[in-house]
Amino acid sequence: MSKLLKEVQESVEAIHQKSAQQPTIGLILGSGLGDFADEINHATYIDYTEIPHFPVSTVEGHAGKLVIGELSGKTVVAMQGRFHFYEGYTMQEVTFPVRVMKGLGVEQIIVTNACGGMNPDFQAGDLMIIEDHLNMTGANPLIGPNDKELGPRFPDMSTAYTPELIELVKSVGKEQGISLQQGVYASISGPTYMTRAELKMLRTVGADTVGMSTVPEVIVARHMDMKTIGISCITDMAIAEELEPLTHEQVVEVANRTKPTFKQLLRSVIEKV
């Protein structure tokens, strides 16, 4: 047994001691959306510090708790706050909770984020279904020894975001009257926002949005054959020719304004997934 698998099992055992519920859907809640987990019924809140081998979230607006309970008729486990490469964690540490979710029984994972929009047809406040991604972080969470019990050495990423889940989210959006964009998400390491030249490069190679998360978690989810869907909240426009100074507070403010619609979409998706 690999060290990674042993640590995953120890984390799962510690969580089982606090909650007997068996989640089948995992939620990773990005900036401004953490309180969505407070809508979970019969919830057990577990601080990340209480889970062996879990990192601790250091970003403002990330509560740092695992929440397990019932939502929209399903048993879910939600991360109130995620981990980022720019916090100094390794990619393996960033994605460790995804492996724990799989160990808890999660079959499908919904990953959300706040990001910058580069497609001129988008605007701040839009929600975007991630159709595909560009890993521009310069790293990959699967680098290093591979444990076959966790997944294959060379996982296929041709459908990193599960096509039937993409169609489901589109259908839910139509039913709920929620306008949804679709596009390619580029993941960078951060913590700096992009220069004009970098934004031009990303747009040229096909990115519609840019952010500092999500892709590592999706890579690991696919490594373990979990179905995945990614939904972004576009909090600012990162168009090179129109670039203005940006702060994290501005990002959170727009994410908060979009929150009611985002929550409505997530509740309906979870009900139908």
C-alpha atoms as a PDB file:
ATOM      1  CA  MET A   1       0.000   0.000   0.000  1.00  0.00           C
ATOM      2  CA  SER A   2       1.341   3.420  -0.962  1.00  0.00           C
ATOM      3  CA  LYS A   3       1.835   6.216   1.575  1.00  0.00           C
ATOM      4  CA  LEU A   4      -0.836   8.264  -0.224  1.00  0.00           C
ATOM      5  CA  LEU A   5      -3.443   5.502  -0.101  1.00  0.00           C
ATOM      6  CA  LYS A   6      -2.690   4.873   3.579  1.00  0.00           C
ATOM      7  CA  GLU A   7      -3.191   8.577   4.380  1.00  0.00           C
ATOM      8  CA  VAL A   8      -6.449   8.664   2.408  1.00  0.00           C
ATOM      9  CA  GLN A   9      -7.752   5.686   4.366  1.00  0.00           C
ATOM     10  CA  GLU A  10      -6.776   7.289   7.678  1.00  0.00           C
ATOM     11  CA  SER A  11      -8.638  10.474   6.724  1.00  0.00           C
ATOM     12  CA  VAL A  12     -11.712   8.499   5.677  1.00  0.00           C
ATOM     13  CA  GLU A  13     -11.699   6.573   8.962  1.00  0.00           C
ATOM     14  CA  ALA A  14     -11.482   9.810  10.963  1.00  0.00           C
ATOM     15  CA  ILE A  15     -14.443  11.266   9.054  1.00  0.00           C
ATOM     16  CA  HIS A  16     -16.466   8.080   9.556  1.00  0.00           C
ATOM     17  CA  GLN A  17     -15.983   8.486  13.301  1.00  0.00           C
ATOM     18  CA  LYS A  18     -17.802  11.813  13.091  1.00  0.00           C
ATOM     19  CA  SER A  19     -20.433  10.984  10.453  1.00  0.00           C
ATOM     20  CA  ALA A  20     -22.014   7.700   9.369  1.00  0.00           C
ATOM     21  CA  GLN A  21     -23.545   9.250   6.252  1.00  0.00           C
ATOM     22  CA  GLN A  22     -22.292   7.999   2.888  1.00  0.00           C
ATOM     23  CA  PRO A  23     -22.124  10.810   0.334  1.00  0.00           C
ATOM     24  CA  THR A  24     -22.305  10.095  -3.390  1.00  0.00           C
ATOM     25  CA  ILE A  25     -21.873  13.703  -4.592  1.00  0.00           C
ATOM     26  CA  GLY A  26     -18.907  15.929  -3.764  1.00  0.00           C
ATOM     27  CA  LEU A  27     -18.919  19.737  -3.864  1.00  0.00           C
ATOM     28  CA  ILE A  28     -15.870  21.975  -3.930  1.00  0.00           C
ATOM     29  CA  LEU A  29     -17.102  25.490  -3.191  1.00  0.00           C
ATOM     30  CA  GLY A  30     -15.032  28.395  -4.466  1.00  0.00           C
ATOM     31  CA  SER A  31     -14.690  32.014  -3.364  1.00  0.00           C
ATOM     32  CA  GLY A  32     -17.955  33.550  -2.190  1.00  0.00           C
ATOM     33  CA  LEU A  33     -19.934  30.301  -2.322  1.00  0.00           C
ATOM     34  CA  GLY A  34     -18.839  28.634   0.903  1.00  0.00           C
ATOM     35  CA  ASP A  35     -22.078  29.365   2.755  1.00  0.00           C
ATOM     36  CA  PHE A  36     -23.970  27.204   0.250  1.00  0.00           C
ATOM     37  CA  ALA A  37     -22.885  24.334   2.480  1.00  0.00           C
ATOM     38  CA  ASP A  38     -24.985  25.860   5.265  1.00  0.00           C
ATOM     39  CA  GLU A  39     -28.080  24.799   3.303  1.00  0.00           C
ATOM     40  CA  ILE A  40     -27.152  21.148   3.828  1.00  0.00           C
ATOM     41  CA  ASN A  41     -29.628  19.399   6.144  1.00  0.00           C
ATOM     42  CA  HIS A  42     -28.730  17.034   9.010  1.00  0.00           C
ATOM     43  CA  ALA A  43     -25.213  18.325   8.533  1.00  0.00           C
ATOM     44  CA  THR A  44     -22.028  17.316  10.256  1.00  0.00           C
ATOM     45  CA  TYR A  45     -19.337  20.026  10.199  1.00  0.00           C
ATOM     46  CA  ILE A  46     -15.756  18.822  10.458  1.00  0.00           C
ATOM     47  CA  ASP A  47     -12.942  21.339  10.696  1.00  0.00           C
ATOM     48  CA  TYR A  48     -10.061  20.541   8.365  1.00  0.00           C
ATOM     49  CA  THR A  49      -7.754  20.541  11.389  1.00  0.00           C
ATOM     50  CA  GLU A  50      -9.671  17.532  12.725  1.00  0.00           C
ATOM     51  CA  ILE A  51      -8.952  15.414   9.635  1.00  0.00           C
ATOM     52  CA  PRO A  52      -5.557  13.677   9.497  1.00  0.00           C
ATOM     53  CA  HIS A  53      -3.317  14.801   6.604  1.00  0.00           C
ATOM     54  CA  PHE A  54      -5.707  17.567   5.483  1.00  0.00           C
ATOM     55  CA  PRO A  55      -4.113  20.927   4.669  1.00  0.00           C
ATOM     56  CA  VAL A  56      -5.613  24.107   6.137  1.00  0.00           C
ATOM     57  CA  SER A  57      -7.163  26.791   3.930  1.00  0.00           C
ATOM     58  CA  THR A  58      -5.461  30.171   4.315  1.00  0.00           C
ATOM     59  CA  VAL A  59      -7.481  32.268   1.853  1.00  0.00           C
ATOM     60  CA  GLU A  60      -9.960  34.916   3.024  1.00  0.00           C
ATOM     61  CA  GLY A  61     -13.522  33.737   2.435  1.00  0.00           C
ATOM     62  CA  HIS A  62     -12.666  30.025   2.744  1.00  0.00           C
ATOM     63  CA  ALA A  63     -14.094  28.638   6.011  1.00  0.00           C
ATOM     64  CA  GLY A  64     -12.024  25.465   6.113  1.00  0.00           C
ATOM     65  CA  LYS A  65     -14.695  22.897   6.956  1.00  0.00           C
ATOM     66  CA  LEU A  66     -15.962  19.645   5.486  1.00  0.00           C
ATOM     67  CA  VAL A  67     -19.760  19.415   5.598  1.00  0.00           C
ATOM     68  CA  ILE A  68     -21.666  16.125   5.159  1.00  0.00           C
ATOM     69  CA  GLY A  69     -25.448  15.842   4.978  1.00  0.00           C
ATOM     70  CA  GLU A  70     -28.560  15.949   2.802  1.00  0.00           C
ATOM     71  CA  LEU A  71     -29.220  18.409  -0.022  1.00  0.00           C
ATOM     72  CA  SER A  72     -31.880  18.242  -2.753  1.00  0.00           C
ATOM     73  CA  GLY A  73     -32.629  14.648  -1.791  1.00  0.00           C
ATOM     74  CA  LYS A  74     -29.007  13.483  -2.077  1.00  0.00           C
ATOM     75  CA  THR A  75     -26.251  12.784   0.418  1.00  0.00           C
ATOM     76  CA  VAL A  76     -23.407  15.185  -0.272  1.00  0.00           C
ATOM     77  CA  VAL A  77     -20.026  16.174   1.098  1.00  0.00           C
ATOM     78  CA  ALA A  78     -18.977  19.786   0.589  1.00  0.00           C
ATOM     79  CA  MET A  79     -15.669  21.568   1.009  1.00  0.00           C
ATOM     80  CA  GLN A  80     -16.156  25.023   2.492  1.00  0.00           C
ATOM     81  CA  GLY A  81     -12.911  26.367   1.131  1.00  0.00           C
ATOM     82  CA  ARG A  82     -10.327  24.669  -1.032  1.00  0.00           C
ATOM     83  CA  PHE A  83      -6.544  24.616  -1.210  1.00  0.00           C
ATOM     84  CA  HIS A  84      -4.397  26.303  -3.824  1.00  0.00           C
ATOM     85  CA  PHE A  85      -0.960  25.702  -5.280  1.00  0.00           C
ATOM     86  CA  TYR A  86      -0.049  29.337  -4.559  1.00  0.00           C
ATOM     87  CA  GLU A  87      -0.539  28.801  -0.825  1.00  0.00           C
ATOM     88  CA  GLY A  88       2.635  26.732  -0.877  1.00  0.00           C
ATOM     89  CA  TYR A  89       0.991  23.314  -0.896  1.00  0.00           C
ATOM     90  CA  THR A  90       2.100  20.628  -3.309  1.00  0.00           C
ATOM     91  CA  MET A  91      -0.301  19.588  -6.026  1.00  0.00           C
ATOM     92  CA  GLN A  92      -0.755  16.303  -4.164  1.00  0.00           C
ATOM     93  CA  GLU A  93      -1.803  18.214  -1.038  1.00  0.00           C
ATOM     94  CA  VAL A  94      -4.119  20.508  -3.013  1.00  0.00           C
ATOM     95  CA  THR A  95      -5.978  17.506  -4.421  1.00  0.00           C
ATOM     96  CA  PHE A  96      -5.859  15.233  -1.364  1.00  0.00           C
ATOM     97  CA  PRO A  97      -9.488  16.010  -0.343  1.00  0.00           C
ATOM     98  CA  VAL A  98     -10.728  14.788  -3.728  1.00  0.00           C
ATOM     99  CA  ARG A  99      -9.157  11.406  -3.039  1.00  0.00           C
ATOM    100  CA  VAL A 100     -10.772  11.388   0.400  1.00  0.00           C
ATOM    101  CA  MET A 101     -14.151  12.142  -1.188  1.00  0.00           C
ATOM    102  CA  LYS A 102     -13.697   9.109  -3.418  1.00  0.00           C
ATOM    103  CA  GLY A 103     -12.856   7.058  -0.342  1.00  0.00           C
ATOM    104  CA  LEU A 104     -16.105   8.231   1.259  1.00  0.00           C
ATOM    105  CA  GLY A 105     -18.070   6.888  -1.705  1.00  0.00           C
ATOM    106  CA  VAL A 106     -18.393   9.981  -3.919  1.00  0.00           C
ATOM    107  CA  GLU A 107     -19.090   9.091  -7.544  1.00  0.00           C
ATOM    108  CA  GLN A 108     -19.680  12.559  -8.986  1.00  0.00           C
ATOM    109  CA  ILE A 109     -18.009  15.830  -8.147  1.00  0.00           C
ATOM    110  CA  ILE A 110     -19.117  19.406  -8.790  1.00  0.00           C
ATOM    111  CA  VAL A 111     -16.270  21.924  -8.765  1.00  0.00           C
ATOM    112  CA  THR A 112     -16.973  25.657  -8.612  1.00  0.00           C
ATOM    113  CA  ASN A 113     -14.729  28.683  -8.797  1.00  0.00           C
ATOM    114  CA  ALA A 114     -14.508  32.430  -9.229  1.00  0.00           C
ATOM    115  CA  CYS A 115     -12.549  33.444 -12.313  1.00  0.00           C
ATOM    116  CA  GLY A 116     -11.714  36.177 -14.781  1.00  0.00           C
ATOM    117  CA  GLY A 117     -13.453  36.313 -18.153  1.00  0.00           C
ATOM    118  CA  MET A 118     -11.412  36.765 -21.341  1.00  0.00           C
ATOM    119  CA  ASN A 119     -14.080  36.052 -23.934  1.00  0.00           C
ATOM    120  CA  PRO A 120     -15.480  39.450 -25.004  1.00  0.00           C
ATOM    121  CA  ASP A 121     -18.960  37.906 -25.245  1.00  0.00           C
ATOM    122  CA  PHE A 122     -18.902  37.323 -21.467  1.00  0.00           C
ATOM    123  CA  GLN A 123     -19.481  39.816 -18.678  1.00  0.00           C
ATOM    124  CA  ALA A 124     -18.874  39.973 -14.944  1.00  0.00           C
ATOM    125  CA  GLY A 125     -21.592  38.063 -13.096  1.00  0.00           C
ATOM    126  CA  ASP A 126     -22.012  35.391 -15.783  1.00  0.00           C
ATOM    127  CA  LEU A 127     -21.937  31.692 -14.913  1.00  0.00           C
ATOM    128  CA  MET A 128     -19.961  29.429 -17.243  1.00  0.00           C
ATOM    129  CA  ILE A 129     -20.046  25.674 -17.701  1.00  0.00           C
ATOM    130  CA  ILE A 130     -16.466  24.470 -18.100  1.00  0.00           C
ATOM    131  CA  GLU A 131     -16.308  22.408 -21.296  1.00  0.00           C
ATOM    132  CA  ASP A 132     -12.555  21.847 -21.178  1.00  0.00           C
ATOM    133  CA  HIS A 133      -9.438  23.263 -19.585  1.00  0.00           C
ATOM    134  CA  LEU A 134      -5.856  24.352 -20.119  1.00  0.00           C
ATOM    135  CA  ASN A 135      -3.432  23.396 -17.366  1.00  0.00           C
ATOM    136  CA  MET A 136      -1.066  26.381 -17.327  1.00  0.00           C
ATOM    137  CA  THR A 137       0.150  25.896 -13.756  1.00  0.00           C
ATOM    138  CA  GLY A 138       3.414  24.253 -14.785  1.00  0.00           C
ATOM    139  CA  ALA A 139       2.636  21.267 -12.571  1.00  0.00           C
ATOM    140  CA  ASN A 140       0.431  18.176 -12.406  1.00  0.00           C
ATOM    141  CA  PRO A 141      -0.891  16.392  -9.286  1.00  0.00           C
ATOM    142  CA  LEU A 142      -0.133  12.980 -10.827  1.00  0.00           C
ATOM    143  CA  ILE A 143       3.620  13.570 -11.122  1.00  0.00           C
ATOM    144  CA  GLY A 144       5.477  10.998  -9.040  1.00  0.00           C
ATOM    145  CA  PRO A 145       4.887   7.320  -8.271  1.00  0.00           C
ATOM    146  CA  ASN A 146       1.464   6.023  -9.312  1.00  0.00           C
ATOM    147  CA  ASP A 147      -0.639   3.743  -7.110  1.00  0.00           C
ATOM    148  CA  LYS A 148      -2.730   1.511  -9.371  1.00  0.00           C
ATOM    149  CA  GLU A 149      -5.313   1.182  -6.612  1.00  0.00           C
ATOM    150  CA  LEU A 150      -6.032   4.907  -7.010  1.00  0.00           C
ATOM    151  CA  GLY A 151      -5.974   5.104 -10.801  1.00  0.00           C
ATOM    152  CA  PRO A 152      -3.999   4.415 -14.003  1.00  0.00           C
ATOM    153  CA  ARG A 153      -0.530   5.754 -14.726  1.00  0.00           C
ATOM    154  CA  PHE A 154      -1.750   7.589 -17.847  1.00  0.00           C
ATOM    155  CA  PRO A 155      -5.394   8.651 -17.359  1.00  0.00           C
ATOM    156  CA  ASP A 156      -7.386   9.795 -20.373  1.00  0.00           C
ATOM    157  CA  MET A 157      -8.473  13.447 -20.306  1.00  0.00           C
ATOM    158  CA  SER A 158     -10.362  13.633 -23.607  1.00  0.00           C
ATOM    159  CA  THR A 159     -13.585  14.114 -21.639  1.00  0.00           C
ATOM    160  CA  ALA A 160     -12.239  15.689 -18.464  1.00  0.00           C
ATOM    161  CA  TYR A 161     -15.680  17.194 -17.859  1.00  0.00           C
ATOM    162  CA  THR A 162     -18.344  14.515 -18.203  1.00  0.00           C
ATOM    163  CA  PRO A 163     -20.415  15.228 -21.355  1.00  0.00           C
ATOM    164  CA  GLU A 164     -23.736  14.021 -19.911  1.00  0.00           C
ATOM    165  CA  LEU A 165     -23.263  16.254 -16.856  1.00  0.00           C
ATOM    166  CA  ILE A 166     -22.544  19.231 -19.110  1.00  0.00           C
ATOM    167  CA  GLU A 167     -25.807  18.539 -20.920  1.00  0.00           C
ATOM    168  CA  LEU A 168     -27.620  18.173 -17.596  1.00  0.00           C
ATOM    169  CA  VAL A 169     -26.411  21.565 -16.371  1.00  0.00           C
ATOM    170  CA  LYS A 170     -27.411  23.176 -19.682  1.00  0.00           C
ATOM    171  CA  SER A 171     -30.865  21.606 -19.371  1.00  0.00           C
ATOM    172  CA  VAL A 172     -31.265  22.770 -15.767  1.00  0.00           C
ATOM    173  CA  GLY A 173     -30.191  26.276 -16.722  1.00  0.00           C
ATOM    174  CA  LYS A 174     -32.817  26.370 -19.448  1.00  0.00           C
ATOM    175  CA  GLU A 175     -35.523  25.075 -17.106  1.00  0.00           C
ATOM    176  CA  GLN A 176     -34.623  27.614 -14.419  1.00  0.00           C
ATOM    177  CA  GLY A 177     -34.239  30.524 -16.836  1.00  0.00           C
ATOM    178  CA  ILE A 178     -30.578  30.889 -15.936  1.00  0.00           C
ATOM    179  CA  SER A 179     -28.338  32.113 -18.739  1.00  0.00           C
ATOM    180  CA  LEU A 180     -25.165  30.016 -18.911  1.00  0.00           C
ATOM    181  CA  GLN A 181     -21.991  30.549 -20.863  1.00  0.00           C
ATOM    182  CA  GLN A 182     -19.788  27.648 -21.980  1.00  0.00           C
ATOM    183  CA  GLY A 183     -16.068  27.660 -22.541  1.00  0.00           C
ATOM    184  CA  VAL A 184     -12.494  26.718 -21.755  1.00  0.00           C
ATOM    185  CA  TYR A 185     -11.011  27.469 -18.327  1.00  0.00           C
ATOM    186  CA  ALA A 186      -7.273  28.144 -18.047  1.00  0.00           C
ATOM    187  CA  SER A 187      -5.713  27.356 -14.683  1.00  0.00           C
ATOM    188  CA  ILE A 188      -2.638  29.334 -13.620  1.00  0.00           C
ATOM    189  CA  SER A 189      -0.570  28.980 -10.463  1.00  0.00           C
ATOM    190  CA  GLY A 190      -1.132  32.506  -9.122  1.00  0.00           C
ATOM    191  CA  PRO A 191      -1.087  34.296  -6.751  1.00  0.00           C
ATOM    192  CA  THR A 192      -0.534  37.247  -9.094  1.00  0.00           C
ATOM    193  CA  TYR A 193      -3.223  38.278 -11.530  1.00  0.00           C
ATOM    194  CA  MET A 194      -2.200  38.147 -15.185  1.00  0.00           C
ATOM    195  CA  THR A 195      -0.247  40.717 -17.194  1.00  0.00           C
ATOM    196  CA  ARG A 196      -1.666  42.050 -20.436  1.00  0.00           C
ATOM    197  CA  ALA A 197       0.774  39.946 -22.443  1.00  0.00           C
ATOM    198  CA  GLU A 198      -0.151  36.794 -20.528  1.00  0.00           C
ATOM    199  CA  LEU A 199      -3.852  37.410 -21.094  1.00  0.00           C
ATOM    200  CA  LYS A 200      -3.261  37.875 -24.819  1.00  0.00           C
ATOM    201  CA  MET A 201      -1.370  34.581 -24.890  1.00  0.00           C
ATOM    202  CA  LEU A 202      -4.108  32.659 -23.068  1.00  0.00           C
ATOM    203  CA  ARG A 203      -6.837  34.099 -25.253  1.00  0.00           C
ATOM    204  CA  THR A 204      -4.821  33.256 -28.373  1.00  0.00           C
ATOM    205  CA  VAL A 205      -4.472  29.591 -27.370  1.00  0.00           C
ATOM    206  CA  GLY A 206      -8.207  29.242 -26.740  1.00  0.00           C
ATOM    207  CA  ALA A 207      -9.015  30.162 -23.124  1.00  0.00           C
ATOM    208  CA  ASP A 208     -12.315  31.862 -22.304  1.00  0.00           C
ATOM    209  CA  THR A 209     -11.673  32.292 -18.588  1.00  0.00           C
ATOM    210  CA  VAL A 210      -8.689  32.190 -16.225  1.00  0.00           C
ATOM    211  CA  GLY A 211      -8.384  31.222 -12.566  1.00  0.00           C
ATOM    212  CA  MET A 212      -6.133  29.685  -9.925  1.00  0.00           C
ATOM    213  CA  SER A 213      -7.921  26.438  -9.068  1.00  0.00           C
ATOM    214  CA  THR A 214     -10.167  23.615 -10.300  1.00  0.00           C
ATOM    215  CA  VAL A 215      -7.922  21.916 -12.868  1.00  0.00           C
ATOM    216  CA  PRO A 216      -5.776  20.000 -10.337  1.00  0.00           C
ATOM    217  CA  GLU A 217      -8.909  18.686  -8.596  1.00  0.00           C
ATOM    218  CA  VAL A 218     -10.480  17.660 -11.901  1.00  0.00           C
ATOM    219  CA  ILE A 219      -7.328  15.832 -12.994  1.00  0.00           C
ATOM    220  CA  VAL A 220      -7.347  13.789  -9.786  1.00  0.00           C
ATOM    221  CA  ALA A 221     -11.101  13.172  -9.981  1.00  0.00           C
ATOM    222  CA  ARG A 222     -10.688  11.790 -13.493  1.00  0.00           C
ATOM    223  CA  HIS A 223      -7.678   9.745 -12.358  1.00  0.00           C
ATOM    224  CA  MET A 224     -10.074   7.973  -9.983  1.00  0.00           C
ATOM    225  CA  ASP A 225     -12.855   7.687 -12.582  1.00  0.00           C
ATOM    226  CA  MET A 226     -15.184  10.162 -10.902  1.00  0.00           C
ATOM    227  CA  LYS A 227     -17.709  12.000 -13.066  1.00  0.00           C
ATOM    228  CA  THR A 228     -17.011  15.723 -13.024  1.00  0.00           C
ATOM    229  CA  ILE A 229     -18.664  19.033 -13.779  1.00  0.00           C
ATOM    230  CA  GLY A 230     -17.100  22.479 -13.416  1.00  0.00           C
ATOM    231  CA  ILE A 231     -19.029  25.753 -13.104  1.00  0.00           C
ATOM    232  CA  SER A 232     -17.355  29.161 -12.941  1.00  0.00           C
ATOM    233  CA  CYS A 233     -18.590  32.509 -11.699  1.00  0.00           C
ATOM    234  CA  ILE A 234     -16.998  35.217 -13.841  1.00  0.00           C
ATOM    235  CA  THR A 235     -16.210  37.934 -11.325  1.00  0.00           C
ATOM    236  CA  ASP A 236     -14.230  40.314 -13.537  1.00  0.00           C
ATOM    237  CA  MET A 237     -13.279  40.827 -17.156  1.00  0.00           C
ATOM    238  CA  ALA A 238      -9.634  40.076 -17.862  1.00  0.00           C
ATOM    239  CA  ILE A 239      -9.396  41.453 -21.378  1.00  0.00           C
ATOM    240  CA  ALA A 240      -5.871  42.679 -22.098  1.00  0.00           C
ATOM    241  CA  GLU A 241      -6.897  45.846 -23.928  1.00  0.00           C
ATOM    242  CA  GLU A 242      -9.284  46.879 -21.136  1.00  0.00           C
ATOM    243  CA  LEU A 243      -7.333  45.626 -18.116  1.00  0.00           C
ATOM    244  CA  GLU A 244      -7.759  47.558 -14.870  1.00  0.00           C
ATOM    245  CA  PRO A 245      -6.286  46.956 -11.386  1.00  0.00           C
ATOM    246  CA  LEU A 246      -8.087  44.138  -9.529  1.00  0.00           C
ATOM    247  CA  THR A 247      -8.325  43.100  -5.863  1.00  0.00           C
ATOM    248  CA  HIS A 248      -9.525  39.911  -4.175  1.00  0.00           C
ATOM    249  CA  GLU A 249     -12.225  41.987  -2.449  1.00  0.00           C
ATOM    250  CA  GLN A 250     -13.676  42.935  -5.838  1.00  0.00           C
ATOM    251  CA  VAL A 251     -13.731  39.271  -6.855  1.00  0.00           C
ATOM    252  CA  VAL A 252     -15.599  38.272  -3.686  1.00  0.00           C
ATOM    253  CA  GLU A 253     -18.073  41.169  -4.076  1.00  0.00           C
ATOM    254  CA  VAL A 254     -19.171  40.040  -7.550  1.00  0.00           C
ATOM    255  CA  ALA A 255     -19.244  36.390  -6.441  1.00  0.00           C
ATOM    256  CA  ASN A 256     -21.581  37.390  -3.606  1.00  0.00           C
ATOM    257  CA  ARG A 257     -23.920  39.229  -5.988  1.00  0.00           C
ATOM    258  CA  THR A 258     -24.129  36.185  -8.230  1.00  0.00           C
ATOM    259  CA  LYS A 259     -24.537  33.793  -5.317  1.00  0.00           C
ATOM    260  CA  PRO A 260     -28.378  33.452  -5.280  1.00  0.00           C
ATOM    261  CA  THR A 261     -28.466  32.387  -8.935  1.00  0.00           C
ATOM    262  CA  PHE A 262     -25.453  30.103  -8.506  1.00  0.00           C
ATOM    263  CA  LYS A 263     -27.097  28.424  -5.495  1.00  0.00           C
ATOM    264  CA  GLN A 264     -30.362  27.941  -7.376  1.00  0.00           C
ATOM    265  CA  LEU A 265     -28.482  26.257 -10.220  1.00  0.00           C
ATOM    266  CA  LEU A 266     -26.515  23.982  -7.905  1.00  0.00           C
ATOM    267  CA  ARG A 267     -29.591  22.871  -5.942  1.00  0.00           C
ATOM    268  CA  SER A 268     -31.369  21.875  -9.152  1.00  0.00           C
ATOM    269  CA  VAL A 269     -28.324  20.127 -10.615  1.00  0.00           C
ATOM    270  CA  ILE A 270     -27.830  18.095  -7.427  1.00  0.00           C
ATOM    271  CA  GLU A 271     -31.506  17.101  -7.454  1.00  0.00           C
ATOM    272  CA  LYS A 272     -31.278  15.775 -11.002  1.00  0.00           C
ATOM    273  CA  VAL A 273     -27.778  14.341 -11.110  1.00  0.00           C
END
